[in-house]
């Protein structure tokens, strides 16, 4: 199924405050649904967005889901833009959920929180391997966690970078190549997380994944 075509005016009335900005796109709240957001790319700079849309649909077709990635809702195309609608990872006080970027969270996390984060990192790796879920950009700045009001970590989510950027994405279709790619990405993530730890917290890293 292709993208739904909408006029700019049809969609823009639902565009709320900006949640995040990136090199290729911006993410805004959906004024019609407090639990979803729109990732908006100009068509001339929409490579990452189109890749994510294709991969979301690929996972859905294969019946693959994961709590570690946002829920995909829909996708749209206007004259100038390509848009993903997906689960909004943000504070939801009415559900006792508060969102933090992992990169910043580690700076002041307690020992108990770090133990839970370590457990979730290990579970993330296991699930990526078991389900052959490809994430091309694993780093702490690309991950969010939900905590309750007492600081208990409830969920870890990788918010961007789904899919494989190769022209012929063998990792996407073949578990052997997928496993190799996941291991390479995970080794890179471990290195960058150590750098994040040193920058944000300092001292010897106390979690191992």
C-alpha atoms as a PDB file:
ATOM      1  CA  UNK A   1       0.000   0.000   0.000  1.00  0.00           C
ATOM      2  CA  UNK A   2       1.346   3.421  -0.929  1.00  0.00           C
ATOM      3  CA  UNK A   3       1.281   6.572   1.074  1.00  0.00           C
ATOM      4  CA  UNK A   4      -1.926   8.532   1.582  1.00  0.00           C
ATOM      5  CA  UNK A   5      -1.833  11.779  -0.340  1.00  0.00           C
ATOM      6  CA  UNK A   6      -2.950  14.849   1.585  1.00  0.00           C
ATOM      7  CA  UNK A   7      -2.864  18.561   0.951  1.00  0.00           C
ATOM      8  CA  UNK A   8      -0.625  20.645   3.169  1.00  0.00           C
ATOM      9  CA  UNK A   9      -3.642  22.424   4.649  1.00  0.00           C
ATOM     10  CA  UNK A  10      -5.369  19.127   5.481  1.00  0.00           C
ATOM     11  CA  UNK A  11      -2.460  18.007   7.609  1.00  0.00           C
ATOM     12  CA  UNK A  12      -0.951  21.229   8.911  1.00  0.00           C
ATOM     13  CA  UNK A  13      -4.009  21.977  11.064  1.00  0.00           C
ATOM     14  CA  UNK A  14      -2.932  18.973  13.170  1.00  0.00           C
ATOM     15  CA  UNK A  15       0.714  20.083  13.509  1.00  0.00           C
ATOM     16  CA  UNK A  16       1.469  21.061  17.095  1.00  0.00           C
ATOM     17  CA  UNK A  17       4.608  22.170  18.943  1.00  0.00           C
ATOM     18  CA  UNK A  18       7.976  20.882  17.791  1.00  0.00           C
ATOM     19  CA  UNK A  19       9.184  17.906  19.822  1.00  0.00           C
ATOM     20  CA  UNK A  20      12.595  17.461  18.174  1.00  0.00           C
ATOM     21  CA  UNK A  21      14.591  18.534  15.150  1.00  0.00           C
ATOM     22  CA  UNK A  22      17.150  16.623  13.107  1.00  0.00           C
ATOM     23  CA  UNK A  23      19.293  17.056  10.045  1.00  0.00           C
ATOM     24  CA  UNK A  24      16.562  15.810   7.725  1.00  0.00           C
ATOM     25  CA  UNK A  25      13.274  16.368   9.538  1.00  0.00           C
ATOM     26  CA  UNK A  26      11.326  17.789  12.409  1.00  0.00           C
ATOM     27  CA  UNK A  27       8.989  16.008  14.803  1.00  0.00           C
ATOM     28  CA  UNK A  28       5.818  17.743  15.965  1.00  0.00           C
ATOM     29  CA  UNK A  29       2.954  16.795  18.234  1.00  0.00           C
ATOM     30  CA  UNK A  30      -0.355  15.743  16.733  1.00  0.00           C
ATOM     31  CA  UNK A  31      -3.005  18.190  17.959  1.00  0.00           C
ATOM     32  CA  UNK A  32      -5.683  15.596  17.195  1.00  0.00           C
ATOM     33  CA  UNK A  33      -4.067  12.791  19.211  1.00  0.00           C
ATOM     34  CA  UNK A  34      -1.993  13.433  22.326  1.00  0.00           C
ATOM     35  CA  UNK A  35      -0.307  10.055  21.987  1.00  0.00           C
ATOM     36  CA  UNK A  36       1.062  10.467  18.451  1.00  0.00           C
ATOM     37  CA  UNK A  37       3.438  12.725  16.566  1.00  0.00           C
ATOM     38  CA  UNK A  38       4.385  13.545  12.991  1.00  0.00           C
ATOM     39  CA  UNK A  39       7.913  13.244  11.608  1.00  0.00           C
ATOM     40  CA  UNK A  40       8.043  15.640   8.677  1.00  0.00           C
ATOM     41  CA  UNK A  41      10.649  15.614   5.910  1.00  0.00           C
ATOM     42  CA  UNK A  42      10.926  17.684   2.785  1.00  0.00           C
ATOM     43  CA  UNK A  43      10.764  15.366  -0.231  1.00  0.00           C
ATOM     44  CA  UNK A  44      14.187  16.480  -1.395  1.00  0.00           C
ATOM     45  CA  UNK A  45      15.612  15.300   1.975  1.00  0.00           C
ATOM     46  CA  UNK A  46      13.422  12.332   2.814  1.00  0.00           C
ATOM     47  CA  UNK A  47      15.719   9.325   2.416  1.00  0.00           C
ATOM     48  CA  UNK A  48      15.691   8.380   6.108  1.00  0.00           C
ATOM     49  CA  UNK A  49      11.948   8.902   6.465  1.00  0.00           C
ATOM     50  CA  UNK A  50      11.131   6.797   3.399  1.00  0.00           C
ATOM     51  CA  UNK A  51      13.429   4.042   4.681  1.00  0.00           C
ATOM     52  CA  UNK A  52      11.687   4.035   8.060  1.00  0.00           C
ATOM     53  CA  UNK A  53       8.227   3.929   6.458  1.00  0.00           C
ATOM     54  CA  UNK A  54       9.229   0.947   4.318  1.00  0.00           C
ATOM     55  CA  UNK A  55      10.711  -0.809   7.327  1.00  0.00           C
ATOM     56  CA  UNK A  56       7.726  -0.154   9.593  1.00  0.00           C
ATOM     57  CA  UNK A  57       5.493  -1.674   6.902  1.00  0.00           C
ATOM     58  CA  UNK A  58       7.893  -4.583   6.395  1.00  0.00           C
ATOM     59  CA  UNK A  59       7.761  -5.419  10.106  1.00  0.00           C
ATOM     60  CA  UNK A  60       3.975  -5.122  10.153  1.00  0.00           C
ATOM     61  CA  UNK A  61       3.631  -7.421   7.139  1.00  0.00           C
ATOM     62  CA  UNK A  62       5.788 -10.019   8.883  1.00  0.00           C
ATOM     63  CA  UNK A  63       3.881  -9.694  12.139  1.00  0.00           C
ATOM     64  CA  UNK A  64       6.914  -8.383  14.036  1.00  0.00           C
ATOM     65  CA  UNK A  65       6.386  -5.962  16.899  1.00  0.00           C
ATOM     66  CA  UNK A  66       8.527  -4.738  19.770  1.00  0.00           C
ATOM     67  CA  UNK A  67       8.095  -2.542  22.826  1.00  0.00           C
ATOM     68  CA  UNK A  68      11.578  -1.196  22.084  1.00  0.00           C
ATOM     69  CA  UNK A  69      10.443   0.746  19.000  1.00  0.00           C
ATOM     70  CA  UNK A  70       7.613   3.287  18.622  1.00  0.00           C
ATOM     71  CA  UNK A  71       4.295   2.096  17.261  1.00  0.00           C
ATOM     72  CA  UNK A  72       3.754   3.001  13.610  1.00  0.00           C
ATOM     73  CA  UNK A  73       0.365   4.585  12.886  1.00  0.00           C
ATOM     74  CA  UNK A  74       0.329   5.890   9.329  1.00  0.00           C
ATOM     75  CA  UNK A  75       2.215   7.761   6.626  1.00  0.00           C
ATOM     76  CA  UNK A  76       1.293  10.640   4.341  1.00  0.00           C
ATOM     77  CA  UNK A  77       2.623  12.555   1.402  1.00  0.00           C
ATOM     78  CA  UNK A  78       1.918  16.170   0.470  1.00  0.00           C
ATOM     79  CA  UNK A  79       3.147  18.119  -2.517  1.00  0.00           C
ATOM     80  CA  UNK A  80       6.445  18.892  -0.771  1.00  0.00           C
ATOM     81  CA  UNK A  81       6.689  16.558   2.241  1.00  0.00           C
ATOM     82  CA  UNK A  82       6.833  12.952   3.401  1.00  0.00           C
ATOM     83  CA  UNK A  83       5.357  12.342   6.857  1.00  0.00           C
ATOM     84  CA  UNK A  84       5.290   9.494   9.371  1.00  0.00           C
ATOM     85  CA  UNK A  85       2.691   9.391  12.110  1.00  0.00           C
ATOM     86  CA  UNK A  86       3.897   7.307  15.031  1.00  0.00           C
ATOM     87  CA  UNK A  87       3.679   6.888  18.788  1.00  0.00           C
ATOM     88  CA  UNK A  88       4.780   9.987  20.674  1.00  0.00           C
ATOM     89  CA  UNK A  89       7.454   9.276  23.274  1.00  0.00           C
ATOM     90  CA  UNK A  90       6.985  12.159  25.711  1.00  0.00           C
ATOM     91  CA  UNK A  91       5.696  12.893  29.203  1.00  0.00           C
ATOM     92  CA  UNK A  92       2.228  11.446  29.838  1.00  0.00           C
ATOM     93  CA  UNK A  93       1.491  12.434  33.467  1.00  0.00           C
ATOM     94  CA  UNK A  94      -2.035  11.045  33.250  1.00  0.00           C
ATOM     95  CA  UNK A  95      -0.438   7.609  32.759  1.00  0.00           C
ATOM     96  CA  UNK A  96       2.306   8.256  35.323  1.00  0.00           C
ATOM     97  CA  UNK A  97       4.935   8.111  32.562  1.00  0.00           C
ATOM     98  CA  UNK A  98       7.777  10.586  32.175  1.00  0.00           C
ATOM     99  CA  UNK A  99      10.211  10.489  29.264  1.00  0.00           C
ATOM    100  CA  UNK A 100      13.977  10.981  29.420  1.00  0.00           C
ATOM    101  CA  UNK A 101      16.711  10.748  26.809  1.00  0.00           C
ATOM    102  CA  UNK A 102      19.143   8.015  27.880  1.00  0.00           C
ATOM    103  CA  UNK A 103      22.137  10.190  27.022  1.00  0.00           C
ATOM    104  CA  UNK A 104      21.071  12.703  29.688  1.00  0.00           C
ATOM    105  CA  UNK A 105      19.486  10.259  32.127  1.00  0.00           C
ATOM    106  CA  UNK A 106      22.720   8.390  32.889  1.00  0.00           C
ATOM    107  CA  UNK A 107      24.311  11.534  34.375  1.00  0.00           C
ATOM    108  CA  UNK A 108      22.307  11.352  37.614  1.00  0.00           C
ATOM    109  CA  UNK A 109      20.838   7.847  37.514  1.00  0.00           C
ATOM    110  CA  UNK A 110      20.849   5.889  40.768  1.00  0.00           C
ATOM    111  CA  UNK A 111      22.494   2.469  41.128  1.00  0.00           C
ATOM    112  CA  UNK A 112      19.053   0.818  40.964  1.00  0.00           C
ATOM    113  CA  UNK A 113      18.179   2.729  37.808  1.00  0.00           C
ATOM    114  CA  UNK A 114      21.484   1.772  36.189  1.00  0.00           C
ATOM    115  CA  UNK A 115      20.874  -1.880  37.054  1.00  0.00           C
ATOM    116  CA  UNK A 116      17.459  -1.692  35.376  1.00  0.00           C
ATOM    117  CA  UNK A 117      18.941   0.105  32.353  1.00  0.00           C
ATOM    118  CA  UNK A 118      21.574  -2.610  32.005  1.00  0.00           C
ATOM    119  CA  UNK A 119      18.817  -5.259  32.072  1.00  0.00           C
ATOM    120  CA  UNK A 120      16.846  -3.396  29.380  1.00  0.00           C
ATOM    121  CA  UNK A 121      19.929  -3.015  27.176  1.00  0.00           C
ATOM    122  CA  UNK A 122      20.471  -6.773  27.367  1.00  0.00           C
ATOM    123  CA  UNK A 123      16.806  -7.428  26.589  1.00  0.00           C
ATOM    124  CA  UNK A 124      16.974  -5.023  23.643  1.00  0.00           C
ATOM    125  CA  UNK A 125      19.962  -6.855  22.166  1.00  0.00           C
ATOM    126  CA  UNK A 126      18.268 -10.242  22.625  1.00  0.00           C
ATOM    127  CA  UNK A 127      15.092  -9.041  20.948  1.00  0.00           C
ATOM    128  CA  UNK A 128      16.913  -7.437  18.018  1.00  0.00           C
ATOM    129  CA  UNK A 129      18.687 -10.743  17.390  1.00  0.00           C
ATOM    130  CA  UNK A 130      15.655 -12.983  17.907  1.00  0.00           C
ATOM    131  CA  UNK A 131      13.380 -10.895  15.662  1.00  0.00           C
ATOM    132  CA  UNK A 132      16.102  -9.666  13.279  1.00  0.00           C
ATOM    133  CA  UNK A 133      15.116  -6.047  13.838  1.00  0.00           C
ATOM    134  CA  UNK A 134      17.611  -3.745  12.130  1.00  0.00           C
ATOM    135  CA  UNK A 135      18.398  -0.353  13.656  1.00  0.00           C
ATOM    136  CA  UNK A 136      21.075   1.513  11.748  1.00  0.00           C
ATOM    137  CA  UNK A 137      21.804   4.191  14.332  1.00  0.00           C
ATOM    138  CA  UNK A 138      22.089   2.871  17.885  1.00  0.00           C
ATOM    139  CA  UNK A 139      23.319   5.437  20.388  1.00  0.00           C
ATOM    140  CA  UNK A 140      22.209   6.875  23.731  1.00  0.00           C
ATOM    141  CA  UNK A 141      21.002  10.099  22.122  1.00  0.00           C
ATOM    142  CA  UNK A 142      18.613   8.038  20.010  1.00  0.00           C
ATOM    143  CA  UNK A 143      17.062   6.218  22.966  1.00  0.00           C
ATOM    144  CA  UNK A 144      14.362   7.258  25.415  1.00  0.00           C
ATOM    145  CA  UNK A 145      13.165   5.723  28.641  1.00  0.00           C
ATOM    146  CA  UNK A 146       9.877   6.002  30.472  1.00  0.00           C
ATOM    147  CA  UNK A 147       9.958   6.333  34.259  1.00  0.00           C
ATOM    148  CA  UNK A 148       7.100   6.533  36.703  1.00  0.00           C
ATOM    149  CA  UNK A 149       6.878   9.344  39.258  1.00  0.00           C
ATOM    150  CA  UNK A 150       9.062   7.436  41.725  1.00  0.00           C
ATOM    151  CA  UNK A 151      11.848   6.999  39.147  1.00  0.00           C
ATOM    152  CA  UNK A 152      11.262   3.340  38.303  1.00  0.00           C
ATOM    153  CA  UNK A 153      12.219   2.686  34.674  1.00  0.00           C
ATOM    154  CA  UNK A 154       9.264   1.173  32.825  1.00  0.00           C
ATOM    155  CA  UNK A 155      10.351   1.028  29.178  1.00  0.00           C
ATOM    156  CA  UNK A 156      13.281   1.642  26.790  1.00  0.00           C
ATOM    157  CA  UNK A 157      12.569   2.891  23.246  1.00  0.00           C
ATOM    158  CA  UNK A 158      14.840   3.477  20.239  1.00  0.00           C
ATOM    159  CA  UNK A 159      13.147   6.434  18.594  1.00  0.00           C
ATOM    160  CA  UNK A 160      14.966   6.772  15.236  1.00  0.00           C
ATOM    161  CA  UNK A 161      17.099   4.954  12.702  1.00  0.00           C
ATOM    162  CA  UNK A 162      14.999   1.909  11.870  1.00  0.00           C
ATOM    163  CA  UNK A 163      15.911  -0.144   8.831  1.00  0.00           C
ATOM    164  CA  UNK A 164      19.037  -0.785   6.827  1.00  0.00           C
ATOM    165  CA  UNK A 165      20.435   1.998   4.601  1.00  0.00           C
ATOM    166  CA  UNK A 166      22.136  -0.274   2.058  1.00  0.00           C
ATOM    167  CA  UNK A 167      20.882  -0.227  -1.525  1.00  0.00           C
ATOM    168  CA  UNK A 168      20.457  -4.008  -1.309  1.00  0.00           C
ATOM    169  CA  UNK A 169      19.505  -4.554   2.359  1.00  0.00           C
ATOM    170  CA  UNK A 170      20.480  -8.203   2.815  1.00  0.00           C
ATOM    171  CA  UNK A 171      20.319  -7.769   6.599  1.00  0.00           C
ATOM    172  CA  UNK A 172      16.630  -6.940   6.323  1.00  0.00           C
ATOM    173  CA  UNK A 173      15.714 -10.182   4.555  1.00  0.00           C
ATOM    174  CA  UNK A 174      18.282 -12.727   5.716  1.00  0.00           C
ATOM    175  CA  UNK A 175      18.783 -13.513   9.378  1.00  0.00           C
ATOM    176  CA  UNK A 176      22.459 -14.448   8.890  1.00  0.00           C
ATOM    177  CA  UNK A 177      23.347 -11.010   7.501  1.00  0.00           C
ATOM    178  CA  UNK A 178      20.965  -9.354   9.942  1.00  0.00           C
ATOM    179  CA  UNK A 179      22.693 -10.961  12.899  1.00  0.00           C
ATOM    180  CA  UNK A 180      26.090  -9.818  11.646  1.00  0.00           C
ATOM    181  CA  UNK A 181      24.851  -6.262  11.211  1.00  0.00           C
ATOM    182  CA  UNK A 182      23.164  -6.195  14.629  1.00  0.00           C
ATOM    183  CA  UNK A 183      26.404  -7.375  16.259  1.00  0.00           C
ATOM    184  CA  UNK A 184      28.416  -4.653  14.486  1.00  0.00           C
ATOM    185  CA  UNK A 185      25.921  -1.984  15.496  1.00  0.00           C
ATOM    186  CA  UNK A 186      25.864  -3.266  19.067  1.00  0.00           C
ATOM    187  CA  UNK A 187      29.667  -3.194  19.341  1.00  0.00           C
ATOM    188  CA  UNK A 188      29.596   0.395  18.093  1.00  0.00           C
ATOM    189  CA  UNK A 189      26.846   1.255  20.581  1.00  0.00           C
ATOM    190  CA  UNK A 190      28.916  -0.114  23.466  1.00  0.00           C
ATOM    191  CA  UNK A 191      31.810   2.118  22.449  1.00  0.00           C
ATOM    192  CA  UNK A 192      29.690   5.232  22.050  1.00  0.00           C
ATOM    193  CA  UNK A 193      27.864   4.551  25.323  1.00  0.00           C
ATOM    194  CA  UNK A 194      31.184   4.438  27.132  1.00  0.00           C
ATOM    195  CA  UNK A 195      32.008   7.843  25.631  1.00  0.00           C
ATOM    196  CA  UNK A 196      28.578   9.105  26.731  1.00  0.00           C
ATOM    197  CA  UNK A 197      29.208   7.786  30.245  1.00  0.00           C
ATOM    198  CA  UNK A 198      32.559   9.561  30.465  1.00  0.00           C
ATOM    199  CA  UNK A 199      31.104  12.804  29.164  1.00  0.00           C
ATOM    200  CA  UNK A 200      27.951  12.780  31.276  1.00  0.00           C
ATOM    201  CA  UNK A 201      28.969  10.933  34.437  1.00  0.00           C
ATOM    202  CA  UNK A 202      32.718  10.266  34.512  1.00  0.00           C
ATOM    203  CA  UNK A 203      34.574   7.459  36.216  1.00  0.00           C
ATOM    204  CA  UNK A 204      34.458   3.744  35.494  1.00  0.00           C
ATOM    205  CA  UNK A 205      31.352   2.523  33.704  1.00  0.00           C
ATOM    206  CA  UNK A 206      29.419   0.259  36.069  1.00  0.00           C
ATOM    207  CA  UNK A 207      26.990  -1.423  33.690  1.00  0.00           C
ATOM    208  CA  UNK A 208      27.877  -4.179  31.258  1.00  0.00           C
ATOM    209  CA  UNK A 209      25.855  -5.191  28.235  1.00  0.00           C
END
